[in-house]
Amino acid sequence: MVGLNQRLAEEVTKLSAETAVKAAIEFLEKEKQKQQKEKRDYRLRNTKLLLKHFRSFVSHVEGANEKVKVTAHDYAEAMESLYTQELALESIKRSTQRTMVMVKFVQRMVSVYKAMCETSGQQEDLRRYRIIENMYISEEKMTAEEIAECEKIDVSTVYRNINEAAKTLSVLIFGVDGVELFG
């Protein structure tokens, strides 16, 4: 009888341990997914913030192109600010060098995005690029309503296209991390 009780106790202990390990693994997996979603969310938010404030960044550095020397340190600081939960827009604007780096970087990534859209052969991709260009990049800002009228689409489609374009731009801006999160 003692042997049976001992085996039963060992079996219960083994099952309890397996259940606890399973629960711990499930919890860790859910936490990892939650963290990845938060990471994706802040990167997408940062991309949208960069686009939204792009014109103010450009006006901040206008006329400074010839006078300001951008160092590797300025570049590193500007790029590091992208990877924070809260993109510090004022921090970027505080330094003309940092702002200049950010402007050039965003211009480069938007150019890459344009090339991607042109080579895709998809009219929808080209429209997404035009929407980003008109809404955030070009000197003459257009409203979502004006863009919708020009593109002969609904305003909700404009915003949906902005979201899709921002996802692709996030991949370009954040590189491999962006591919992992949006790919």
N, C-alpha and C. Protein backbone atom coordinates (compact mmCIF):
# COMPACT_ATOMS: atom_id res chain seq x y z
N MET A 1 0.81 -1.19 0.00
CA MET A 1 0.00 0.00 0.00
C MET A 1 0.86 1.26 0.00
N VAL A 2 1.96 1.22 0.79
CA VAL A 2 2.85 2.39 0.86
C VAL A 2 3.47 2.65 -0.51
N GLY A 3 3.83 1.59 -1.23
CA GLY A 3 4.42 1.74 -2.55
C GLY A 3 3.44 2.37 -3.53
N LEU A 4 2.17 1.97 -3.45
CA LEU A 4 1.14 2.53 -4.31
C LEU A 4 0.93 4.02 -4.03
N ASN A 5 0.86 4.37 -2.76
CA ASN A 5 0.70 5.77 -2.37
C ASN A 5 1.89 6.61 -2.82
N GLN A 6 3.06 6.05 -2.70
CA GLN A 6 4.27 6.77 -3.10
C GLN A 6 4.28 7.00 -4.61
N ARG A 7 3.89 5.97 -5.39
CA ARG A 7 3.84 6.11 -6.84
C ARG A 7 2.76 7.11 -7.25
N LEU A 8 1.63 7.06 -6.56
CA LEU A 8 0.55 8.00 -6.83
C LEU A 8 0.99 9.44 -6.53
N ALA A 9 1.68 9.63 -5.42
CA ALA A 9 2.20 10.96 -5.05
C ALA A 9 3.22 11.44 -6.07
N GLU A 10 4.07 10.56 -6.56
CA GLU A 10 5.07 10.93 -7.57
C GLU A 10 4.39 11.32 -8.88
N GLU A 11 3.34 10.53 -9.24
CA GLU A 11 2.61 10.82 -10.46
C GLU A 11 1.89 12.19 -10.37
N VAL A 12 1.27 12.46 -9.22
CA VAL A 12 0.60 13.74 -9.00
C VAL A 12 1.62 14.88 -9.06
N THR A 13 2.78 14.68 -8.45
CA THR A 13 3.84 15.69 -8.46
C THR A 13 4.32 15.95 -9.89
N LYS A 14 4.49 14.88 -10.66
CA LYS A 14 4.94 14.99 -12.04
C LYS A 14 3.91 15.76 -12.88
N LEU A 15 2.63 15.40 -12.74
CA LEU A 15 1.57 16.08 -13.48
C LEU A 15 1.47 17.55 -13.08
N SER A 16 1.62 17.82 -11.80
CA SER A 16 1.58 19.21 -11.31
C SER A 16 2.72 20.01 -11.91
N ALA A 17 3.90 19.43 -11.94
CA ALA A 17 5.07 20.12 -12.49
C ALA A 17 4.88 20.39 -13.99
N GLU A 18 4.36 19.38 -14.73
CA GLU A 18 4.13 19.56 -16.17
C GLU A 18 3.10 20.65 -16.43
N THR A 19 2.05 20.67 -15.62
CA THR A 19 1.01 21.69 -15.77
C THR A 19 1.58 23.07 -15.48
N ALA A 20 2.38 23.18 -14.44
CA ALA A 20 2.99 24.45 -14.08
C ALA A 20 3.93 24.95 -15.19
N VAL A 21 4.72 24.03 -15.76
CA VAL A 21 5.64 24.39 -16.83
C VAL A 21 4.85 24.86 -18.06
N LYS A 22 3.78 24.13 -18.41
CA LYS A 22 2.93 24.52 -19.54
C LYS A 22 2.35 25.92 -19.34
N ALA A 23 1.83 26.16 -18.15
CA ALA A 23 1.24 27.46 -17.83
C ALA A 23 2.29 28.56 -17.92
N ALA A 24 3.49 28.29 -17.43
CA ALA A 24 4.57 29.29 -17.48
C ALA A 24 4.96 29.58 -18.92
N ILE A 25 5.05 28.56 -19.75
CA ILE A 25 5.41 28.74 -21.16
C ILE A 25 4.34 29.56 -21.87
N GLU A 26 3.07 29.24 -21.63
CA GLU A 26 1.97 29.99 -22.24
C GLU A 26 2.00 31.46 -21.81
N PHE A 27 2.25 31.68 -20.53
CA PHE A 27 2.33 33.05 -20.01
C PHE A 27 3.46 33.82 -20.68
N LEU A 28 4.64 33.19 -20.77
CA LEU A 28 5.79 33.85 -21.39
C LEU A 28 5.53 34.15 -22.86
N GLU A 29 4.87 33.24 -23.57
CA GLU A 29 4.55 33.46 -24.97
C GLU A 29 3.59 34.64 -25.13
N LYS A 30 2.57 34.71 -24.28
CA LYS A 30 1.62 35.83 -24.33
C LYS A 30 2.33 37.15 -24.01
N GLU A 31 3.24 37.14 -23.05
CA GLU A 31 4.00 38.35 -22.72
C GLU A 31 4.87 38.79 -23.90
N LYS A 32 5.50 37.81 -24.56
CA LYS A 32 6.34 38.12 -25.72
C LYS A 32 5.50 38.74 -26.83
N GLN A 33 4.32 38.17 -27.09
CA GLN A 33 3.43 38.72 -28.11
C GLN A 33 2.97 40.13 -27.74
N LYS A 34 2.68 40.34 -26.47
CA LYS A 34 2.25 41.66 -25.99
C LYS A 34 3.37 42.69 -26.20
N GLN A 35 4.61 42.30 -25.86
CA GLN A 35 5.74 43.21 -26.03
C GLN A 35 5.99 43.52 -27.50
N GLN A 36 5.84 42.50 -28.36
CA GLN A 36 6.04 42.73 -29.79
C GLN A 36 4.97 43.68 -30.33
N LYS A 37 3.74 43.53 -29.88
CA LYS A 37 2.67 44.42 -30.31
C LYS A 37 2.96 45.84 -29.85
N GLU A 38 3.40 46.01 -28.60
CA GLU A 38 3.73 47.34 -28.09
C GLU A 38 4.87 47.96 -28.89
N LYS A 39 5.88 47.13 -29.22
CA LYS A 39 7.03 47.60 -30.00
C LYS A 39 6.56 48.05 -31.38
N ARG A 40 5.71 47.22 -32.00
CA ARG A 40 5.18 47.55 -33.33
C ARG A 40 4.36 48.84 -33.25
N ASP A 41 3.53 48.94 -32.20
CA ASP A 41 2.69 50.12 -32.05
C ASP A 41 3.51 51.40 -31.91
N TYR A 42 4.57 51.37 -31.08
CA TYR A 42 5.33 52.61 -30.90
C TYR A 42 6.13 52.94 -32.16
N ARG A 43 6.58 51.93 -32.89
CA ARG A 43 7.31 52.22 -34.12
C ARG A 43 6.39 52.80 -35.18
N LEU A 44 5.20 52.26 -35.27
CA LEU A 44 4.23 52.80 -36.22
C LEU A 44 3.84 54.22 -35.80
N ARG A 45 3.64 54.42 -34.51
CA ARG A 45 3.31 55.75 -33.99
C ARG A 45 4.46 56.73 -34.28
N ASN A 46 5.70 56.29 -34.07
CA ASN A 46 6.85 57.17 -34.33
C ASN A 46 6.96 57.50 -35.81
N THR A 47 6.69 56.54 -36.67
CA THR A 47 6.73 56.80 -38.11
C THR A 47 5.68 57.84 -38.47
N LYS A 48 4.49 57.68 -37.95
CA LYS A 48 3.42 58.65 -38.23
C LYS A 48 3.76 60.03 -37.67
N LEU A 49 4.38 60.07 -36.49
CA LEU A 49 4.79 61.35 -35.93
C LEU A 49 5.84 62.04 -36.80
N LEU A 50 6.80 61.27 -37.28
CA LEU A 50 7.82 61.83 -38.17
C LEU A 50 7.17 62.43 -39.41
N LEU A 51 6.21 61.70 -39.98
CA LEU A 51 5.53 62.21 -41.17
C LEU A 51 4.72 63.46 -40.83
N LYS A 52 3.96 63.39 -39.76
CA LYS A 52 3.09 64.49 -39.37
C LYS A 52 3.88 65.79 -39.14
N HIS A 53 5.07 65.67 -38.56
CA HIS A 53 5.86 66.85 -38.21
C HIS A 53 6.98 67.14 -39.20
N PHE A 54 7.00 66.42 -40.31
CA PHE A 54 8.09 66.55 -41.28
C PHE A 54 8.26 67.99 -41.75
N ARG A 55 7.19 68.65 -42.11
CA ARG A 55 7.29 70.03 -42.61
C ARG A 55 7.87 70.98 -41.55
N SER A 56 7.51 70.75 -40.28
CA SER A 56 8.07 71.63 -39.24
C SER A 56 9.55 71.35 -39.05
N PHE A 57 9.97 70.10 -39.23
CA PHE A 57 11.41 69.78 -39.18
C PHE A 57 12.14 70.48 -40.31
N VAL A 58 11.56 70.43 -41.50
CA VAL A 58 12.19 71.07 -42.66
C VAL A 58 12.32 72.57 -42.43
N SER A 59 11.26 73.20 -41.93
CA SER A 59 11.35 74.65 -41.71
C SER A 59 12.35 74.98 -40.60
N HIS A 60 12.52 74.08 -39.65
CA HIS A 60 13.49 74.29 -38.57
C HIS A 60 14.93 74.35 -39.11
N VAL A 61 15.22 73.57 -40.14
CA VAL A 61 16.60 73.52 -40.65
C VAL A 61 16.81 74.33 -41.92
N GLU A 62 15.76 74.95 -42.44
CA GLU A 62 15.91 75.76 -43.66
C GLU A 62 16.98 76.82 -43.46
N GLY A 63 17.85 76.94 -44.43
CA GLY A 63 18.91 77.94 -44.38
C GLY A 63 20.12 77.50 -43.58
N ALA A 64 20.01 76.41 -42.86
CA ALA A 64 21.13 75.96 -42.03
C ALA A 64 21.99 74.93 -42.75
N ASN A 65 21.57 74.49 -43.92
CA ASN A 65 22.29 73.41 -44.62
C ASN A 65 23.77 73.70 -44.81
N GLU A 66 24.10 74.94 -45.18
CA GLU A 66 25.50 75.26 -45.45
C GLU A 66 26.28 75.52 -44.15
N LYS A 67 25.62 76.00 -43.14
CA LYS A 67 26.29 76.44 -41.92
C LYS A 67 26.54 75.32 -40.91
N VAL A 68 25.72 74.30 -40.91
CA VAL A 68 25.77 73.29 -39.86
C VAL A 68 26.49 72.04 -40.34
N LYS A 69 27.43 71.60 -39.53
CA LYS A 69 28.15 70.36 -39.84
C LYS A 69 27.55 69.24 -39.00
N VAL A 70 27.11 68.18 -39.66
CA VAL A 70 26.51 67.04 -38.97
C VAL A 70 27.61 66.02 -38.70
N THR A 71 27.75 65.66 -37.44
CA THR A 71 28.77 64.68 -37.06
C THR A 71 28.15 63.29 -36.94
N ALA A 72 29.00 62.30 -36.83
CA ALA A 72 28.53 60.93 -36.62
C ALA A 72 27.75 60.83 -35.31
N HIS A 73 28.18 61.60 -34.32
CA HIS A 73 27.49 61.61 -33.03
C HIS A 73 26.07 62.16 -33.19
N ASP A 74 25.91 63.22 -33.96
CA ASP A 74 24.58 63.78 -34.22
C ASP A 74 23.69 62.74 -34.90
N TYR A 75 24.27 62.05 -35.88
CA TYR A 75 23.52 61.03 -36.60
C TYR A 75 23.08 59.91 -35.64
N ALA A 76 24.00 59.45 -34.82
CA ALA A 76 23.69 58.37 -33.87
C ALA A 76 22.60 58.79 -32.89
N GLU A 77 22.69 60.01 -32.38
CA GLU A 77 21.66 60.50 -31.44
C GLU A 77 20.30 60.59 -32.10
N ALA A 78 20.27 61.08 -33.32
CA ALA A 78 19.00 61.21 -34.02
C ALA A 78 18.38 59.85 -34.29
N MET A 79 19.19 58.90 -34.71
CA MET A 79 18.67 57.57 -34.99
C MET A 79 18.23 56.87 -33.70
N GLU A 80 18.96 57.10 -32.63
CA GLU A 80 18.61 56.50 -31.34
C GLU A 80 17.25 57.00 -30.86
N SER A 81 16.95 58.25 -31.14
CA SER A 81 15.67 58.81 -30.68
C SER A 81 14.48 58.13 -31.36
N LEU A 82 14.70 57.52 -32.52
CA LEU A 82 13.62 56.79 -33.19
C LEU A 82 13.19 55.57 -32.38
N TYR A 83 14.12 54.98 -31.67
CA TYR A 83 13.88 53.71 -31.01
C TYR A 83 13.37 53.85 -29.58
N THR A 84 12.81 54.99 -29.27
CA THR A 84 12.27 55.18 -27.92
C THR A 84 10.76 55.04 -27.97
N GLN A 85 10.19 54.68 -26.83
CA GLN A 85 8.74 54.54 -26.76
C GLN A 85 8.04 55.83 -27.17
N GLU A 86 8.53 56.92 -26.66
CA GLU A 86 7.93 58.23 -26.97
C GLU A 86 8.94 59.03 -27.78
N LEU A 87 8.66 59.21 -29.05
CA LEU A 87 9.54 59.99 -29.90
C LEU A 87 9.53 61.43 -29.41
N ALA A 88 10.68 61.91 -29.01
CA ALA A 88 10.77 63.26 -28.42
C ALA A 88 10.96 64.28 -29.53
N LEU A 89 9.86 64.78 -30.04
CA LEU A 89 9.91 65.73 -31.15
C LEU A 89 10.66 66.99 -30.77
N GLU A 90 10.44 67.46 -29.57
CA GLU A 90 11.15 68.66 -29.12
C GLU A 90 12.64 68.41 -29.01
N SER A 91 13.00 67.20 -28.61
CA SER A 91 14.42 66.84 -28.51
C SER A 91 15.07 66.87 -29.89
N ILE A 92 14.34 66.39 -30.89
CA ILE A 92 14.86 66.39 -32.25
C ILE A 92 15.06 67.84 -32.71
N LYS A 93 14.07 68.71 -32.43
CA LYS A 93 14.13 70.09 -32.89
C LYS A 93 15.12 70.93 -32.09
N ARG A 94 15.48 70.47 -30.88
CA ARG A 94 16.40 71.24 -30.04
C ARG A 94 17.75 71.40 -30.72
N SER A 95 18.15 70.44 -31.48
CA SER A 95 19.45 70.49 -32.15
C SER A 95 19.23 70.56 -33.65
N THR A 96 19.76 71.59 -34.27
CA THR A 96 19.63 71.74 -35.72
C THR A 96 20.28 70.57 -36.44
N GLN A 97 21.42 70.11 -35.91
CA GLN A 97 22.09 68.98 -36.54
C GLN A 97 21.21 67.73 -36.49
N ARG A 98 20.63 67.48 -35.33
CA ARG A 98 19.79 66.29 -35.17
C ARG A 98 18.57 66.39 -36.09
N THR A 99 18.00 67.57 -36.17
CA THR A 99 16.83 67.76 -37.03
C THR A 99 17.21 67.54 -38.49
N MET A 100 18.37 68.06 -38.87
CA MET A 100 18.84 67.90 -40.24
C MET A 100 19.04 66.42 -40.58
N VAL A 101 19.62 65.68 -39.66
CA VAL A 101 19.81 64.24 -39.87
C VAL A 101 18.46 63.57 -40.07
N MET A 102 17.51 63.91 -39.22
CA MET A 102 16.19 63.29 -39.29
C MET A 102 15.50 63.63 -40.61
N VAL A 103 15.59 64.89 -41.03
CA VAL A 103 14.97 65.30 -42.29
C VAL A 103 15.58 64.52 -43.46
N LYS A 104 16.90 64.46 -43.52
CA LYS A 104 17.56 63.75 -44.62
C LYS A 104 17.23 62.26 -44.59
N PHE A 105 17.17 61.69 -43.40
CA PHE A 105 16.85 60.27 -43.27
C PHE A 105 15.42 59.99 -43.75
N VAL A 106 14.48 60.80 -43.32
CA VAL A 106 13.08 60.61 -43.74
C VAL A 106 12.96 60.82 -45.25
N GLN A 107 13.64 61.83 -45.78
CA GLN A 107 13.61 62.06 -47.23
C GLN A 107 14.14 60.84 -47.99
N ARG A 108 15.23 60.28 -47.48
CA ARG A 108 15.82 59.10 -48.11
C ARG A 108 14.85 57.92 -48.07
N MET A 109 14.21 57.70 -46.92
CA MET A 109 13.29 56.56 -46.78
C MET A 109 12.04 56.76 -47.63
N VAL A 110 11.56 58.00 -47.75
CA VAL A 110 10.41 58.28 -48.60
C VAL A 110 10.79 58.06 -50.07
N SER A 111 12.03 58.41 -50.44
CA SER A 111 12.50 58.16 -51.81
C SER A 111 12.56 56.66 -52.11
N VAL A 112 13.03 55.90 -51.14
CA VAL A 112 13.07 54.43 -51.30
C VAL A 112 11.65 53.90 -51.43
N TYR A 113 10.75 54.42 -50.60
CA TYR A 113 9.35 54.00 -50.66
C TYR A 113 8.75 54.33 -52.03
N LYS A 114 9.06 55.52 -52.55
CA LYS A 114 8.57 55.91 -53.87
C LYS A 114 9.06 54.93 -54.94
N ALA A 115 10.34 54.59 -54.88
CA ALA A 115 10.90 53.65 -55.85
C ALA A 115 10.22 52.28 -55.74
N MET A 116 9.96 51.85 -54.52
CA MET A 116 9.27 50.57 -54.31
C MET A 116 7.88 50.62 -54.94
N CYS A 117 7.18 51.71 -54.73
CA CYS A 117 5.82 51.85 -55.26
C CYS A 117 5.83 51.89 -56.79
N GLU A 118 6.81 52.59 -57.36
CA GLU A 118 6.90 52.69 -58.82
C GLU A 118 7.24 51.35 -59.45
N THR A 119 8.10 50.58 -58.80
CA THR A 119 8.50 49.29 -59.39
C THR A 119 7.48 48.18 -59.13
N SER A 120 6.57 48.40 -58.20
CA SER A 120 5.58 47.35 -57.91
C SER A 120 4.59 47.16 -59.06
N GLY A 121 4.37 48.23 -59.82
CA GLY A 121 3.42 48.14 -60.91
C GLY A 121 1.97 48.20 -60.45
N GLN A 122 1.75 48.38 -59.17
CA GLN A 122 0.39 48.44 -58.61
C GLN A 122 -0.06 49.89 -58.47
N GLN A 123 -1.20 50.20 -59.06
CA GLN A 123 -1.73 51.57 -58.96
C GLN A 123 -2.02 51.96 -57.52
N GLU A 124 -2.44 51.00 -56.71
CA GLU A 124 -2.73 51.27 -55.30
C GLU A 124 -1.46 51.72 -54.56
N ASP A 125 -0.33 51.08 -54.87
CA ASP A 125 0.94 51.48 -54.24
C ASP A 125 1.33 52.90 -54.64
N LEU A 126 1.16 53.21 -55.92
CA LEU A 126 1.47 54.57 -56.38
C LEU A 126 0.56 55.59 -55.71
N ARG A 127 -0.71 55.24 -55.56
CA ARG A 127 -1.65 56.14 -54.88
C ARG A 127 -1.23 56.34 -53.44
N ARG A 128 -0.80 55.29 -52.75
CA ARG A 128 -0.34 55.42 -51.35
C ARG A 128 0.84 56.39 -51.26
N TYR A 129 1.76 56.26 -52.21
CA TYR A 129 2.90 57.18 -52.20
C TYR A 129 2.41 58.62 -52.41
N ARG A 130 1.54 58.83 -53.40
CA ARG A 130 1.05 60.20 -53.67
C ARG A 130 0.35 60.77 -52.44
N ILE A 131 -0.39 59.93 -51.75
CA ILE A 131 -1.10 60.41 -50.55
C ILE A 131 -0.10 60.85 -49.49
N ILE A 132 0.93 60.04 -49.24
CA ILE A 132 1.96 60.40 -48.25
C ILE A 132 2.66 61.69 -48.69
N GLU A 133 3.01 61.76 -49.95
CA GLU A 133 3.69 62.95 -50.49
C GLU A 133 2.83 64.20 -50.29
N ASN A 134 1.58 64.13 -50.68
CA ASN A 134 0.71 65.31 -50.61
C ASN A 134 0.30 65.67 -49.17
N MET A 135 0.13 64.68 -48.36
CA MET A 135 -0.33 64.94 -47.00
C MET A 135 0.80 65.43 -46.10
N TYR A 136 2.04 64.90 -46.30
CA TYR A 136 3.11 65.17 -45.32
C TYR A 136 4.41 65.75 -45.87
N ILE A 137 4.74 65.50 -47.12
CA ILE A 137 6.09 65.80 -47.60
C ILE A 137 6.17 67.05 -48.48
N SER A 138 5.29 67.17 -49.44
CA SER A 138 5.39 68.28 -50.40
C SER A 138 5.23 69.62 -49.69
N GLU A 139 5.71 70.66 -50.37
CA GLU A 139 5.62 72.01 -49.79
C GLU A 139 4.18 72.43 -49.60
N GLU A 140 3.33 72.09 -50.55
CA GLU A 140 1.91 72.42 -50.48
C GLU A 140 1.15 71.26 -49.84
N LYS A 141 0.70 71.47 -48.62
CA LYS A 141 -0.03 70.43 -47.90
C LYS A 141 -1.47 70.35 -48.41
N MET A 142 -1.92 69.12 -48.59
CA MET A 142 -3.31 68.89 -48.95
C MET A 142 -4.02 68.22 -47.78
N THR A 143 -5.29 68.46 -47.65
CA THR A 143 -6.08 67.80 -46.61
C THR A 143 -6.51 66.42 -47.13
N ALA A 144 -6.98 65.60 -46.22
CA ALA A 144 -7.47 64.28 -46.60
C ALA A 144 -8.64 64.41 -47.58
N GLU A 145 -9.47 65.40 -47.36
CA GLU A 145 -10.62 65.62 -48.23
C GLU A 145 -10.17 66.01 -49.65
N GLU A 146 -9.17 66.90 -49.73
CA GLU A 146 -8.64 67.31 -51.04
C GLU A 146 -8.00 66.13 -51.76
N ILE A 147 -7.26 65.34 -51.01
CA ILE A 147 -6.62 64.16 -51.61
C ILE A 147 -7.68 63.18 -52.11
N ALA A 148 -8.70 62.95 -51.29
CA ALA A 148 -9.78 62.03 -51.67
C ALA A 148 -10.43 62.49 -52.98
N GLU A 149 -10.65 63.79 -53.09
CA GLU A 149 -11.26 64.34 -54.30
C GLU A 149 -10.35 64.14 -55.51
N CYS A 150 -9.06 64.45 -55.35
CA CYS A 150 -8.09 64.29 -56.45
C CYS A 150 -7.95 62.83 -56.89
N GLU A 151 -7.91 61.95 -55.90
CA GLU A 151 -7.70 60.52 -56.19
C GLU A 151 -9.00 59.80 -56.52
N LYS A 152 -10.13 60.51 -56.37
CA LYS A 152 -11.46 59.94 -56.61
C LYS A 152 -11.71 58.71 -55.72
N ILE A 153 -11.41 58.90 -54.42
CA ILE A 153 -11.62 57.86 -53.43
C ILE A 153 -12.30 58.48 -52.21
N ASP A 154 -12.74 57.63 -51.32
CA ASP A 154 -13.36 58.08 -50.08
C ASP A 154 -12.28 58.54 -49.09
N VAL A 155 -12.63 59.46 -48.20
CA VAL A 155 -11.69 59.95 -47.19
C VAL A 155 -11.19 58.79 -46.32
N SER A 156 -12.07 57.84 -46.02
CA SER A 156 -11.63 56.70 -45.20
C SER A 156 -10.55 55.89 -45.91
N THR A 157 -10.61 55.84 -47.24
CA THR A 157 -9.57 55.15 -48.02
C THR A 157 -8.25 55.89 -47.92
N VAL A 158 -8.31 57.21 -47.86
CA VAL A 158 -7.09 58.01 -47.69
C VAL A 158 -6.39 57.58 -46.40
N TYR A 159 -7.16 57.54 -45.31
CA TYR A 159 -6.57 57.18 -44.02
C TYR A 159 -6.10 55.72 -43.99
N ARG A 160 -6.84 54.84 -44.64
CA ARG A 160 -6.42 53.44 -44.71
C ARG A 160 -5.11 53.34 -45.49
N ASN A 161 -5.00 54.09 -46.58
CA ASN A 161 -3.76 54.10 -47.37
C ASN A 161 -2.59 54.68 -46.59
N ILE A 162 -2.85 55.71 -45.80
CA ILE A 162 -1.80 56.28 -44.94
C ILE A 162 -1.30 55.22 -43.97
N ASN A 163 -2.21 54.49 -43.36
CA ASN A 163 -1.82 53.43 -42.41
C ASN A 163 -0.97 52.36 -43.09
N GLU A 164 -1.37 51.94 -44.29
CA GLU A 164 -0.60 50.92 -45.01
C GLU A 164 0.78 51.45 -45.41
N ALA A 165 0.82 52.67 -45.88
CA ALA A 165 2.11 53.28 -46.26
C ALA A 165 3.00 53.43 -45.04
N ALA A 166 2.42 53.83 -43.91
CA ALA A 166 3.20 54.01 -42.68
C ALA A 166 3.79 52.68 -42.22
N LYS A 167 3.08 51.59 -42.42
CA LYS A 167 3.63 50.27 -42.06
C LYS A 167 4.87 49.98 -42.90
N THR A 168 4.78 50.23 -44.19
CA THR A 168 5.93 49.98 -45.07
C THR A 168 7.08 50.92 -44.72
N LEU A 169 6.77 52.18 -44.47
CA LEU A 169 7.81 53.13 -44.08
C LEU A 169 8.44 52.74 -42.75
N SER A 170 7.67 52.19 -41.84
CA SER A 170 8.23 51.72 -40.56
C SER A 170 9.27 50.63 -40.79
N VAL A 171 8.97 49.74 -41.74
CA VAL A 171 9.93 48.69 -42.08
C VAL A 171 11.20 49.32 -42.62
N LEU A 172 11.08 50.32 -43.46
CA LEU A 172 12.26 50.99 -44.02
C LEU A 172 13.03 51.73 -42.92
N ILE A 173 12.32 52.40 -42.06
CA ILE A 173 12.97 53.20 -41.02
C ILE A 173 13.61 52.33 -39.95
N PHE A 174 12.92 51.26 -39.56
CA PHE A 174 13.41 50.43 -38.46
C PHE A 174 14.12 49.16 -38.93
N GLY A 175 14.25 48.98 -40.21
CA GLY A 175 15.03 47.87 -40.75
C GLY A 175 14.52 46.51 -40.35
N VAL A 176 15.44 45.64 -39.97
CA VAL A 176 15.14 44.24 -39.67
C VAL A 176 14.07 44.13 -38.60
N ASP A 177 14.12 44.98 -37.59
CA ASP A 177 13.09 44.93 -36.55
C ASP A 177 11.72 45.18 -37.14
N GLY A 178 11.63 46.07 -38.09
CA GLY A 178 10.35 46.35 -38.73
C GLY A 178 9.87 45.19 -39.55
N VAL A 179 10.79 44.49 -40.25
CA VAL A 179 10.42 43.31 -41.03
C VAL A 179 9.87 42.24 -40.11
N GLU A 180 10.53 42.04 -38.98
CA GLU A 180 10.09 41.04 -38.01
C GLU A 180 8.70 41.36 -37.50
N LEU A 181 8.41 42.63 -37.30
CA LEU A 181 7.15 43.02 -36.70
C LEU A 181 6.02 43.12 -37.70
N PHE A 182 6.30 43.53 -38.95
CA PHE A 182 5.24 43.74 -39.90
C PHE A 182 5.23 42.68 -41.00
N GLY A 183 6.37 41.99 -41.17
CA GLY A 183 6.51 41.05 -42.27
C GLY A 183 5.55 39.96 -42.18
